[in-house]
Amino acid sequence: MADLPSILQRGLLSHNQAAALRPHAISDPAVQLRRSRVRVPGGLWLHDYVNLYFDSHNPMLSKIRHMNRDLVVLEVSKVVVDLPDVVIADRNAAKEMVRFGTSPQGLEIIDGGIVYKEFWKDPLGDPLEDERRDGIKCSEVLTPSPLLPRFLRGTGIVCSEDAKAAIEVIAPSLRLRVGSRHFFWGGTAGPRP
């Protein structure tokens, strides 16, 4: 929420470009260290791309559930997949065994059966399969930075009416809806009842 005015003005920036603005970090520093060492084959360093998830209801958002009331999920136009030099990662781009493909053809490597599944964990509880599915659930669209504001749809999803009211003060032009399905609650990986 705190970075929303900057995002609406400048668009979405890569990790490296945003660093100069000192944004409010929500990511795990250990994960960012791993991501800083990844170079996309035939492309840029991973931290030079804006990374977008196909589905916000994913392991990253689960890990920061304690921040629900401070978050807004911004909707991005799907035309970004047709922009030049966009890359698709078939799982979290810093995971082992990740495959990259140029967009839009790279969309064919996405496992939509897991990416868009609300409850994606292995029904048999296999921890290795859970880890594999977690990675796939975090499949990414990597766009060269910056992703200009015109690609933001002007809509966002928040966890509650209170969060909506707080964000309306900061960004009155943003159309907001409450969507508890996108967020995680309590100690479970499911939506709030």
Protein backbone atom coordinates (compact mmCIF):
# COMPACT_ATOMS: atom_id res chain seq x y z
CA MET A 1 0.00 0.00 0.00
CA ALA A 2 2.79 2.43 0.90
CA ASP A 3 4.38 2.17 -2.57
CA LEU A 4 1.11 2.52 -4.46
CA PRO A 5 1.42 6.24 -5.39
CA SER A 6 4.87 5.61 -6.88
CA ILE A 7 3.64 2.53 -8.77
CA LEU A 8 0.67 4.39 -10.23
CA GLN A 9 2.96 7.22 -11.34
CA ARG A 10 6.00 5.26 -12.60
CA GLY A 11 4.57 1.82 -13.28
CA LEU A 12 6.11 -1.41 -12.06
CA LEU A 13 9.89 -1.48 -11.84
CA SER A 14 12.39 -4.29 -11.69
CA HIS A 15 14.05 -5.10 -8.38
CA ASN A 16 17.20 -3.30 -9.55
CA GLN A 17 15.39 -0.18 -10.78
CA ALA A 18 13.17 0.06 -7.71
CA ALA A 19 16.13 -0.18 -5.32
CA ALA A 20 16.95 3.51 -5.83
CA LEU A 21 13.45 4.41 -4.58
CA ARG A 22 13.86 2.34 -1.41
CA PRO A 23 10.47 0.61 -1.61
CA HIS A 24 8.86 -1.20 1.30
CA ALA A 25 10.22 -4.72 0.95
CA ILE A 26 7.79 -7.60 1.30
CA SER A 27 10.01 -10.35 -0.05
CA ASP A 28 12.36 -12.74 1.72
CA PRO A 29 15.99 -11.47 1.54
CA ALA A 30 17.29 -15.03 1.10
CA VAL A 31 14.99 -15.53 -1.89
CA GLN A 32 16.11 -12.19 -3.35
CA LEU A 33 19.75 -13.21 -2.98
CA ARG A 34 19.04 -16.40 -4.94
CA ARG A 35 17.13 -14.43 -7.59
CA SER A 36 20.01 -11.94 -7.92
CA ARG A 37 22.21 -14.77 -9.21
CA VAL A 38 19.87 -15.89 -12.01
CA ARG A 39 20.42 -14.84 -15.59
CA VAL A 40 17.59 -15.61 -17.99
CA PRO A 41 19.03 -17.54 -20.95
CA GLY A 42 19.48 -15.14 -23.85
CA GLY A 43 18.15 -12.30 -21.71
CA LEU A 44 18.78 -10.12 -18.70
CA TRP A 45 19.54 -10.79 -15.07
CA LEU A 46 16.33 -11.79 -13.28
CA HIS A 47 16.45 -8.65 -11.13
CA ASP A 48 16.32 -6.54 -14.31
CA TYR A 49 12.82 -7.81 -15.13
CA VAL A 50 9.48 -6.90 -13.61
CA ASN A 51 8.12 -10.22 -12.42
CA LEU A 52 4.39 -10.87 -12.51
CA TYR A 53 2.55 -13.90 -11.22
CA PHE A 54 -0.23 -15.51 -13.20
CA ASP A 55 -2.22 -15.95 -9.98
CA SER A 56 -1.74 -13.87 -6.84
CA HIS A 57 -3.09 -16.66 -4.61
CA ASN A 58 0.29 -18.37 -4.31
CA PRO A 59 3.03 -19.38 -1.83
CA MET A 60 4.56 -15.90 -1.71
CA LEU A 61 1.31 -14.27 -0.65
CA SER A 62 0.83 -17.09 1.85
CA LYS A 63 4.19 -16.30 3.46
CA ILE A 64 3.25 -12.65 3.98
CA ARG A 65 -0.31 -13.23 5.19
CA HIS A 66 0.51 -11.23 8.31
CA MET A 67 0.64 -8.19 5.99
CA ASN A 68 -2.76 -8.75 4.32
CA ARG A 69 -4.21 -5.43 5.43
CA ASP A 70 -1.26 -3.52 3.94
CA LEU A 71 -1.39 -5.18 0.52
CA VAL A 72 -3.20 -4.51 -2.72
CA VAL A 73 -3.06 -6.94 -5.63
CA LEU A 74 -2.86 -4.90 -8.82
CA GLU A 75 -4.37 -6.28 -11.97
CA VAL A 76 -2.16 -6.01 -15.05
CA SER A 77 -3.37 -6.12 -18.63
CA LYS A 78 -2.80 -9.47 -20.29
CA VAL A 79 -1.45 -7.68 -23.38
CA VAL A 80 1.93 -7.56 -21.59
CA VAL A 81 2.62 -11.08 -22.84
CA ASP A 82 2.76 -9.62 -26.36
CA LEU A 83 5.35 -6.95 -25.52
CA PRO A 84 8.87 -7.31 -26.96
CA ASP A 85 11.40 -9.36 -24.98
CA VAL A 86 8.86 -10.75 -22.49
CA VAL A 87 9.84 -14.12 -21.04
CA ILE A 88 7.69 -16.80 -19.44
CA ALA A 89 9.04 -18.94 -16.56
CA ASP A 90 7.22 -22.23 -16.00
CA ARG A 91 7.75 -21.89 -12.23
CA ASN A 92 9.39 -19.48 -9.83
CA ALA A 93 12.22 -18.19 -11.98
CA ALA A 94 14.84 -18.87 -9.30
CA LYS A 95 13.91 -22.53 -8.84
CA GLU A 96 15.98 -25.41 -10.14
CA MET A 97 14.61 -27.01 -13.28
CA VAL A 98 12.90 -23.78 -14.37
CA ARG A 99 12.19 -23.52 -18.09
CA PHE A 100 12.04 -20.18 -19.83
CA GLY A 101 10.24 -19.43 -23.07
CA THR A 102 9.79 -16.34 -25.17
CA SER A 103 6.32 -14.93 -24.98
CA PRO A 104 3.68 -15.53 -26.15
CA GLN A 105 4.80 -19.01 -27.31
CA GLY A 106 6.21 -19.64 -23.83
CA LEU A 107 2.69 -19.72 -22.44
CA GLU A 108 2.56 -23.31 -23.69
CA ILE A 109 4.97 -24.42 -20.94
CA ILE A 110 2.67 -23.17 -18.15
CA ASP A 111 0.85 -25.87 -16.16
CA GLY A 112 -2.46 -24.06 -15.72
CA GLY A 113 -3.83 -27.03 -13.80
CA ILE A 114 -1.53 -26.11 -10.92
CA VAL A 115 -1.03 -22.38 -11.52
CA TYR A 116 -4.74 -21.61 -11.19
CA LYS A 117 -5.63 -24.28 -8.65
CA GLU A 118 -6.87 -22.78 -5.39
CA PHE A 119 -5.48 -25.65 -3.30
CA TRP A 120 -2.37 -26.82 -5.12
CA LYS A 121 -0.62 -28.94 -2.49
CA ASP A 122 -0.10 -32.65 -3.13
CA PRO A 123 -3.15 -34.59 -1.86
CA LEU A 124 -0.81 -37.35 -0.64
CA GLY A 125 1.31 -34.91 1.36
CA ASP A 126 4.59 -35.68 -0.41
CA PRO A 127 6.96 -32.81 0.58
CA LEU A 128 8.96 -33.05 -2.66
CA GLU A 129 5.80 -32.87 -4.73
CA ASP A 130 4.60 -29.95 -2.58
CA GLU A 131 7.83 -28.08 -3.31
CA ARG A 132 7.50 -28.76 -7.03
CA ARG A 133 3.90 -27.55 -7.02
CA ASP A 134 4.81 -24.45 -4.98
CA GLY A 135 7.33 -23.53 -7.67
CA ILE A 136 4.86 -24.08 -10.50
CA LYS A 137 2.16 -22.10 -8.67
CA CYS A 138 4.61 -19.15 -8.80
CA SER A 139 5.09 -19.26 -12.58
CA GLU A 140 6.10 -15.84 -13.84
CA VAL A 141 5.79 -13.38 -16.67
CA LEU A 142 9.08 -11.46 -16.87
CA THR A 143 8.83 -8.08 -18.55
CA PRO A 144 11.77 -5.78 -19.23
CA SER A 145 11.62 -2.89 -16.79
CA PRO A 146 9.76 -0.61 -16.46
CA LEU A 147 6.22 -1.81 -17.04
CA LEU A 148 4.52 1.52 -17.67
CA PRO A 149 1.36 2.59 -15.81
CA ARG A 150 -0.76 2.19 -18.96
CA PHE A 151 -0.44 -1.60 -18.49
CA LEU A 152 -2.03 -1.42 -15.05
CA ARG A 153 -5.74 -1.99 -15.43
CA GLY A 154 -6.57 0.60 -12.76
CA THR A 155 -8.06 -2.09 -10.55
CA GLY A 156 -6.90 -3.71 -7.37
CA ILE A 157 -7.97 -6.37 -4.93
CA VAL A 158 -7.77 -5.94 -1.17
CA CYS A 159 -8.51 -8.24 1.75
CA SER A 160 -11.14 -6.18 3.58
CA GLU A 161 -13.37 -3.11 3.57
CA ASP A 162 -10.93 -1.46 6.04
CA ALA A 163 -8.01 -1.97 3.64
CA LYS A 164 -10.17 -0.66 0.80
CA ALA A 165 -10.98 2.51 2.74
CA ALA A 166 -7.29 3.09 3.57
CA ILE A 167 -6.20 2.66 -0.06
CA GLU A 168 -8.98 4.89 -1.39
CA VAL A 169 -7.36 7.76 0.55
CA ILE A 170 -3.94 7.08 -1.03
CA ALA A 171 -5.13 6.26 -4.56
CA PRO A 172 -8.68 7.53 -5.13
CA SER A 173 -8.59 6.76 -8.87
CA LEU A 174 -7.90 3.05 -8.31
CA ARG A 175 -11.00 0.87 -8.58
CA LEU A 176 -10.90 -1.58 -5.70
CA ARG A 177 -12.78 -4.71 -4.78
CA VAL A 178 -12.60 -6.89 -1.72
CA GLY A 179 -11.53 -10.38 -2.68
CA SER A 180 -10.72 -12.56 0.29
CA ARG A 181 -10.13 -15.55 -2.05
CA HIS A 182 -6.86 -13.94 -3.12
CA PHE A 183 -5.51 -13.76 0.43
CA PHE A 184 -4.58 -16.30 3.08
CA TRP A 185 -5.98 -16.39 6.57
CA GLY A 186 -4.83 -17.92 9.84
CA GLY A 187 -2.66 -21.00 9.67
CA THR A 188 -4.20 -22.51 6.56
CA ALA A 189 -3.46 -22.14 2.88
CA GLY A 190 -7.10 -21.61 2.07
CA PRO A 191 -9.33 -18.58 1.81
CA ARG A 192 -11.07 -17.07 4.78
CA PRO A 193 -14.36 -18.86 5.45
